[in-house]
């Protein structure tokens, strides 16, 4: 891969309704990812499944 290519990557986090808030989990993951200068968080999305009482969070970031 050349030095001027940027990849879009995704982290997926699953949890039950009794687990920590998806927002706090994704923020912690974003903080960890941002520790490296070649990574930048670009978006965060949370879905909640009312039928199964589970949530799923997505954290999108770029890596150069």
PDB file of N, CA and C in Angstrom:
ATOM      1  N   UNK A   1       0.850  -1.180   0.000  1.00  0.00           N
ATOM      2  CA  UNK A   1       0.000   0.000   0.000  1.00  0.00           C
ATOM      3  C   UNK A   1       0.891   1.237   0.000  1.00  0.00           C
ATOM      4  N   UNK A   2       0.589   2.185  -0.873  1.00  0.00           N
ATOM      5  CA  UNK A   2       1.390   3.400  -0.926  1.00  0.00           C
ATOM      6  C   UNK A   2       1.101   4.274   0.286  1.00  0.00           C
ATOM      7  N   UNK A   3       1.977   5.213   0.525  1.00  0.00           N
ATOM      8  CA  UNK A   3       1.866   6.045   1.726  1.00  0.00           C
ATOM      9  C   UNK A   3       0.730   7.050   1.671  1.00  0.00           C
ATOM     10  N   UNK A   4       0.182   7.334   0.493  1.00  0.00           N
ATOM     11  CA  UNK A   4      -0.895   8.318   0.431  1.00  0.00           C
ATOM     12  C   UNK A   4      -2.278   7.685   0.262  1.00  0.00           C
ATOM     13  N   UNK A   5      -2.417   6.404   0.555  1.00  0.00           N
ATOM     14  CA  UNK A   5      -3.726   5.751   0.543  1.00  0.00           C
ATOM     15  C   UNK A   5      -4.344   5.814   1.933  1.00  0.00           C
ATOM     16  N   UNK A   6      -5.656   5.993   1.984  1.00  0.00           N
ATOM     17  CA  UNK A   6      -6.376   6.002   3.251  1.00  0.00           C
ATOM     18  C   UNK A   6      -7.461   4.941   3.182  1.00  0.00           C
ATOM     19  N   UNK A   7      -7.548   4.110   4.235  1.00  0.00           N
ATOM     20  CA  UNK A   7      -8.568   3.068   4.288  1.00  0.00           C
ATOM     21  C   UNK A   7      -9.636   3.463   5.296  1.00  0.00           C
ATOM     22  N   UNK A   8     -10.883   3.131   4.989  1.00  0.00           N
ATOM     23  CA  UNK A   8     -11.988   3.317   5.926  1.00  0.00           C
ATOM     24  C   UNK A   8     -12.245   1.982   6.597  1.00  0.00           C
ATOM     25  N   UNK A   9     -12.172   1.955   7.924  1.00  0.00           N
ATOM     26  CA  UNK A   9     -12.332   0.732   8.701  1.00  0.00           C
ATOM     27  C   UNK A   9     -13.480   0.892   9.688  1.00  0.00           C
ATOM     28  N   UNK A  10     -13.951  -0.221  10.219  1.00  0.00           N
ATOM     29  CA  UNK A  10     -15.105  -0.186  11.114  1.00  0.00           C
ATOM     30  C   UNK A  10     -14.873  -1.102  12.312  1.00  0.00           C
ATOM     31  N   UNK A  11     -15.278  -0.637  13.482  1.00  0.00           N
ATOM     32  CA  UNK A  11     -15.306  -1.444  14.695  1.00  0.00           C
ATOM     33  C   UNK A  11     -16.774  -1.650  15.040  1.00  0.00           C
ATOM     34  N   UNK A  12     -17.176  -2.891  15.319  1.00  0.00           N
ATOM     35  CA  UNK A  12     -18.557  -3.202  15.685  1.00  0.00           C
ATOM     36  C   UNK A  12     -18.565  -3.694  17.123  1.00  0.00           C
ATOM     37  N   UNK A  13     -19.444  -3.121  17.944  1.00  0.00           N
ATOM     38  CA  UNK A  13     -19.558  -3.483  19.349  1.00  0.00           C
ATOM     39  C   UNK A  13     -20.996  -3.921  19.604  1.00  0.00           C
ATOM     40  N   UNK A  14     -21.168  -5.077  20.267  1.00  0.00           N
ATOM     41  CA  UNK A  14     -22.488  -5.595  20.599  1.00  0.00           C
ATOM     42  C   UNK A  14     -22.679  -5.547  22.112  1.00  0.00           C
ATOM     43  N   UNK A  15     -23.917  -5.395  22.568  1.00  0.00           N
ATOM     44  CA  UNK A  15     -24.166  -5.429  24.000  1.00  0.00           C
ATOM     45  C   UNK A  15     -25.622  -5.708  24.318  1.00  0.00           C
ATOM     46  N   UNK A  16     -25.864  -6.204  25.543  1.00  0.00           N
ATOM     47  CA  UNK A  16     -27.225  -6.405  26.040  1.00  0.00           C
ATOM     48  C   UNK A  16     -27.728  -5.114  26.660  1.00  0.00           C
ATOM     49  N   UNK A  17     -29.028  -5.059  26.941  1.00  0.00           N
ATOM     50  CA  UNK A  17     -29.591  -3.835  27.496  1.00  0.00           C
ATOM     51  C   UNK A  17     -29.002  -3.493  28.857  1.00  0.00           C
ATOM     52  N   UNK A  18     -28.496  -4.493  29.594  1.00  0.00           N
ATOM     53  CA  UNK A  18     -27.925  -4.241  30.913  1.00  0.00           C
ATOM     54  C   UNK A  18     -26.447  -3.862  30.859  1.00  0.00           C
ATOM     55  N   UNK A  19     -25.838  -3.960  29.699  1.00  0.00           N
ATOM     56  CA  UNK A  19     -24.432  -3.603  29.550  1.00  0.00           C
ATOM     57  C   UNK A  19     -24.261  -2.088  29.603  1.00  0.00           C
ATOM     58  N   UNK A  20     -23.001  -1.664  29.625  1.00  0.00           N
ATOM     59  CA  UNK A  20     -22.711  -0.232  29.588  1.00  0.00           C
ATOM     60  C   UNK A  20     -23.355   0.407  28.364  1.00  0.00           C
ATOM     61  N   UNK A  21     -23.571   1.694  28.462  1.00  0.00           N
ATOM     62  CA  UNK A  21     -24.141   2.446  27.346  1.00  0.00           C
ATOM     63  C   UNK A  21     -23.285   2.272  26.099  1.00  0.00           C
ATOM     64  N   UNK A  22     -23.906   2.084  24.947  1.00  0.00           N
ATOM     65  CA  UNK A  22     -23.112   1.949  23.722  1.00  0.00           C
ATOM     66  C   UNK A  22     -22.298   3.206  23.424  1.00  0.00           C
ATOM     67  N   UNK A  23     -22.822   4.352  23.821  1.00  0.00           N
ATOM     68  CA  UNK A  23     -22.101   5.604  23.553  1.00  0.00           C
ATOM     69  C   UNK A  23     -20.802   5.643  24.347  1.00  0.00           C
ATOM     70  N   UNK A  24     -20.837   5.267  25.624  1.00  0.00           N
ATOM     71  CA  UNK A  24     -19.602   5.294  26.411  1.00  0.00           C
ATOM     72  C   UNK A  24     -18.605   4.254  25.922  1.00  0.00           C
ATOM     73  N   UNK A  25     -19.089   3.090  25.493  1.00  0.00           N
ATOM     74  CA  UNK A  25     -18.195   2.055  24.959  1.00  0.00           C
ATOM     75  C   UNK A  25     -17.542   2.539  23.667  1.00  0.00           C
ATOM     76  N   UNK A  26     -18.327   3.141  22.783  1.00  0.00           N
ATOM     77  CA  UNK A  26     -17.778   3.624  21.516  1.00  0.00           C
ATOM     78  C   UNK A  26     -16.841   4.809  21.734  1.00  0.00           C
ATOM     79  N   UNK A  27     -17.143   5.676  22.695  1.00  0.00           N
ATOM     80  CA  UNK A  27     -16.230   6.791  22.990  1.00  0.00           C
ATOM     81  C   UNK A  27     -14.893   6.280  23.499  1.00  0.00           C
ATOM     82  N   UNK A  28     -14.923   5.263  24.352  1.00  0.00           N
ATOM     83  CA  UNK A  28     -13.674   4.676  24.850  1.00  0.00           C
ATOM     84  C   UNK A  28     -12.873   4.071  23.696  1.00  0.00           C
ATOM     85  N   UNK A  29     -13.567   3.385  22.789  1.00  0.00           N
ATOM     86  CA  UNK A  29     -12.886   2.814  21.620  1.00  0.00           C
ATOM     87  C   UNK A  29     -12.316   3.922  20.733  1.00  0.00           C
ATOM     88  N   UNK A  30     -13.065   5.001  20.563  1.00  0.00           N
ATOM     89  CA  UNK A  30     -12.594   6.130  19.752  1.00  0.00           C
ATOM     90  C   UNK A  30     -11.348   6.755  20.372  1.00  0.00           C
ATOM     91  N   UNK A  31     -11.336   6.881  21.690  1.00  0.00           N
ATOM     92  CA  UNK A  31     -10.152   7.422  22.369  1.00  0.00           C
ATOM     93  C   UNK A  31      -8.937   6.547  22.120  1.00  0.00           C
ATOM     94  N   UNK A  32      -9.131   5.230  22.201  1.00  0.00           N
ATOM     95  CA  UNK A  32      -8.014   4.305  21.970  1.00  0.00           C
ATOM     96  C   UNK A  32      -7.508   4.393  20.527  1.00  0.00           C
ATOM     97  N   UNK A  33      -8.451   4.447  19.577  1.00  0.00           N
ATOM     98  CA  UNK A  33      -8.052   4.529  18.170  1.00  0.00           C
ATOM     99  C   UNK A  33      -7.320   5.830  17.868  1.00  0.00           C
ATOM    100  N   UNK A  34      -7.751   6.912  18.499  1.00  0.00           N
ATOM    101  CA  UNK A  34      -7.177   8.229  18.222  1.00  0.00           C
ATOM    102  C   UNK A  34      -5.787   8.403  18.830  1.00  0.00           C
ATOM    103  N   UNK A  35      -5.340   7.454  19.626  1.00  0.00           N
ATOM    104  CA  UNK A  35      -3.999   7.544  20.208  1.00  0.00           C
ATOM    105  C   UNK A  35      -2.928   7.452  19.134  1.00  0.00           C
ATOM    106  N   UNK A  36      -3.245   6.809  18.034  1.00  0.00           N
ATOM    107  CA  UNK A  36      -2.285   6.701  16.928  1.00  0.00           C
ATOM    108  C   UNK A  36      -2.522   7.840  15.942  1.00  0.00           C
ATOM    109  N   UNK A  37      -1.464   8.545  15.555  1.00  0.00           N
ATOM    110  CA  UNK A  37      -1.627   9.703  14.671  1.00  0.00           C
ATOM    111  C   UNK A  37      -2.110   9.358  13.260  1.00  0.00           C
ATOM    112  N   UNK A  38      -1.983   8.092  12.842  1.00  0.00           N
ATOM    113  CA  UNK A  38      -2.403   7.716  11.490  1.00  0.00           C
ATOM    114  C   UNK A  38      -3.870   7.296  11.437  1.00  0.00           C
ATOM    115  N   UNK A  39      -4.572   7.377  12.561  1.00  0.00           N
ATOM    116  CA  UNK A  39      -5.995   7.004  12.608  1.00  0.00           C
ATOM    117  C   UNK A  39      -6.848   8.199  13.016  1.00  0.00           C
ATOM    118  N   UNK A  40      -8.023   8.303  12.376  1.00  0.00           N
ATOM    119  CA  UNK A  40      -8.934   9.400  12.696  1.00  0.00           C
ATOM    120  C   UNK A  40     -10.364   8.873  12.669  1.00  0.00           C
ATOM    121  N   UNK A  41     -11.100   9.082  13.753  1.00  0.00           N
ATOM    122  CA  UNK A  41     -12.490   8.643  13.834  1.00  0.00           C
ATOM    123  C   UNK A  41     -13.340   9.591  12.994  1.00  0.00           C
ATOM    124  N   UNK A  42     -14.220   9.022  12.148  1.00  0.00           N
ATOM    125  CA  UNK A  42     -15.033   9.853  11.261  1.00  0.00           C
ATOM    126  C   UNK A  42     -16.534   9.743  11.521  1.00  0.00           C
ATOM    127  N   UNK A  43     -16.995   8.661  12.175  1.00  0.00           N
ATOM    128  CA  UNK A  43     -18.440   8.521  12.419  1.00  0.00           C
ATOM    129  C   UNK A  43     -18.685   7.470  13.492  1.00  0.00           C
ATOM    130  N   UNK A  44     -19.829   7.628  14.173  1.00  0.00           N
ATOM    131  CA  UNK A  44     -20.248   6.675  15.189  1.00  0.00           C
ATOM    132  C   UNK A  44     -21.760   6.513  15.065  1.00  0.00           C
ATOM    133  N   UNK A  45     -22.243   5.265  15.035  1.00  0.00           N
ATOM    134  CA  UNK A  45     -23.665   4.960  14.876  1.00  0.00           C
ATOM    135  C   UNK A  45     -24.073   3.907  15.893  1.00  0.00           C
ATOM    136  N   UNK A  46     -25.289   4.052  16.449  1.00  0.00           N
ATOM    137  CA  UNK A  46     -25.806   3.081  17.405  1.00  0.00           C
ATOM    138  C   UNK A  46     -27.182   2.621  16.940  1.00  0.00           C
ATOM    139  N   UNK A  47     -27.414   1.292  16.970  1.00  0.00           N
ATOM    140  CA  UNK A  47     -28.727   0.711  16.671  1.00  0.00           C
ATOM    141  C   UNK A  47     -29.223   0.008  17.931  1.00  0.00           C
ATOM    142  N   UNK A  48     -30.519   0.034  18.159  1.00  0.00           N
ATOM    143  CA  UNK A  48     -31.086  -0.688  19.292  1.00  0.00           C
ATOM    144  C   UNK A  48     -32.180  -1.614  18.793  1.00  0.00           C
ATOM    145  N   UNK A  49     -32.075  -2.895  19.120  1.00  0.00           N
ATOM    146  CA  UNK A  49     -33.040  -3.916  18.717  1.00  0.00           C
ATOM    147  C   UNK A  49     -34.053  -4.086  19.853  1.00  0.00           C
ATOM    148  N   UNK A  50     -35.244  -3.529  19.679  1.00  0.00           N
ATOM    149  CA  UNK A  50     -36.264  -3.576  20.728  1.00  0.00           C
ATOM    150  C   UNK A  50     -36.810  -4.981  20.947  1.00  0.00           C
ATOM    151  N   UNK A  51     -36.796  -5.805  19.933  1.00  0.00           N
ATOM    152  CA  UNK A  51     -37.309  -7.172  20.061  1.00  0.00           C
ATOM    153  C   UNK A  51     -36.417  -8.026  20.959  1.00  0.00           C
ATOM    154  N   UNK A  52     -35.108  -7.925  20.751  1.00  0.00           N
ATOM    155  CA  UNK A  52     -34.163  -8.755  21.491  1.00  0.00           C
ATOM    156  C   UNK A  52     -33.460  -8.014  22.624  1.00  0.00           C
ATOM    157  N   UNK A  53     -33.790  -6.735  22.793  1.00  0.00           N
ATOM    158  CA  UNK A  53     -33.191  -5.902  23.842  1.00  0.00           C
ATOM    159  C   UNK A  53     -31.668  -5.935  23.805  1.00  0.00           C
ATOM    160  N   UNK A  54     -31.150  -5.686  22.610  1.00  0.00           N
ATOM    161  CA  UNK A  54     -29.700  -5.632  22.402  1.00  0.00           C
ATOM    162  C   UNK A  54     -29.360  -4.392  21.600  1.00  0.00           C
ATOM    163  N   UNK A  55     -28.159  -3.902  21.789  1.00  0.00           N
ATOM    164  CA  UNK A  55     -27.699  -2.783  20.983  1.00  0.00           C
ATOM    165  C   UNK A  55     -26.452  -3.184  20.200  1.00  0.00           C
ATOM    166  N   UNK A  56     -26.204  -2.435  19.144  1.00  0.00           N
ATOM    167  CA  UNK A  56     -25.019  -2.639  18.317  1.00  0.00           C
ATOM    168  C   UNK A  56     -24.490  -1.258  17.958  1.00  0.00           C
ATOM    169  N   UNK A  57     -23.221  -1.069  18.153  1.00  0.00           N
ATOM    170  CA  UNK A  57     -22.603   0.207  17.827  1.00  0.00           C
ATOM    171  C   UNK A  57     -21.538   0.040  16.770  1.00  0.00           C
ATOM    172  N   UNK A  58     -21.424   1.045  15.926  1.00  0.00           N
ATOM    173  CA  UNK A  58     -20.426   1.053  14.838  1.00  0.00           C
ATOM    174  C   UNK A  58     -19.558   2.284  14.990  1.00  0.00           C
ATOM    175  N   UNK A  59     -18.271   2.095  14.885  1.00  0.00           N
ATOM    176  CA  UNK A  59     -17.312   3.198  14.930  1.00  0.00           C
ATOM    177  C   UNK A  59     -16.494   3.128  13.649  1.00  0.00           C
ATOM    178  N   UNK A  60     -16.579   4.169  12.834  1.00  0.00           N
ATOM    179  CA  UNK A  60     -15.858   4.218  11.564  1.00  0.00           C
ATOM    180  C   UNK A  60     -14.641   5.118  11.712  1.00  0.00           C
ATOM    181  N   UNK A  61     -13.517   4.659  11.194  1.00  0.00           N
ATOM    182  CA  UNK A  61     -12.305   5.463  11.274  1.00  0.00           C
ATOM    183  C   UNK A  61     -11.447   5.252  10.042  1.00  0.00           C
ATOM    184  N   UNK A  62     -10.579   6.208   9.785  1.00  0.00           N
ATOM    185  CA  UNK A  62      -9.661   6.094   8.655  1.00  0.00           C
ATOM    186  C   UNK A  62      -8.276   5.740   9.188  1.00  0.00           C
ATOM    187  N   UNK A  63      -7.533   5.052   8.349  1.00  0.00           N
ATOM    188  CA  UNK A  63      -6.153   4.719   8.664  1.00  0.00           C
ATOM    189  C   UNK A  63      -5.313   4.993   7.436  1.00  0.00           C
ATOM    190  N   UNK A  64      -4.284   5.783   7.629  1.00  0.00           N
ATOM    191  CA  UNK A  64      -3.405   6.134   6.501  1.00  0.00           C
ATOM    192  C   UNK A  64      -2.272   5.156   6.386  1.00  0.00           C
TER     193      UNK A  64
END
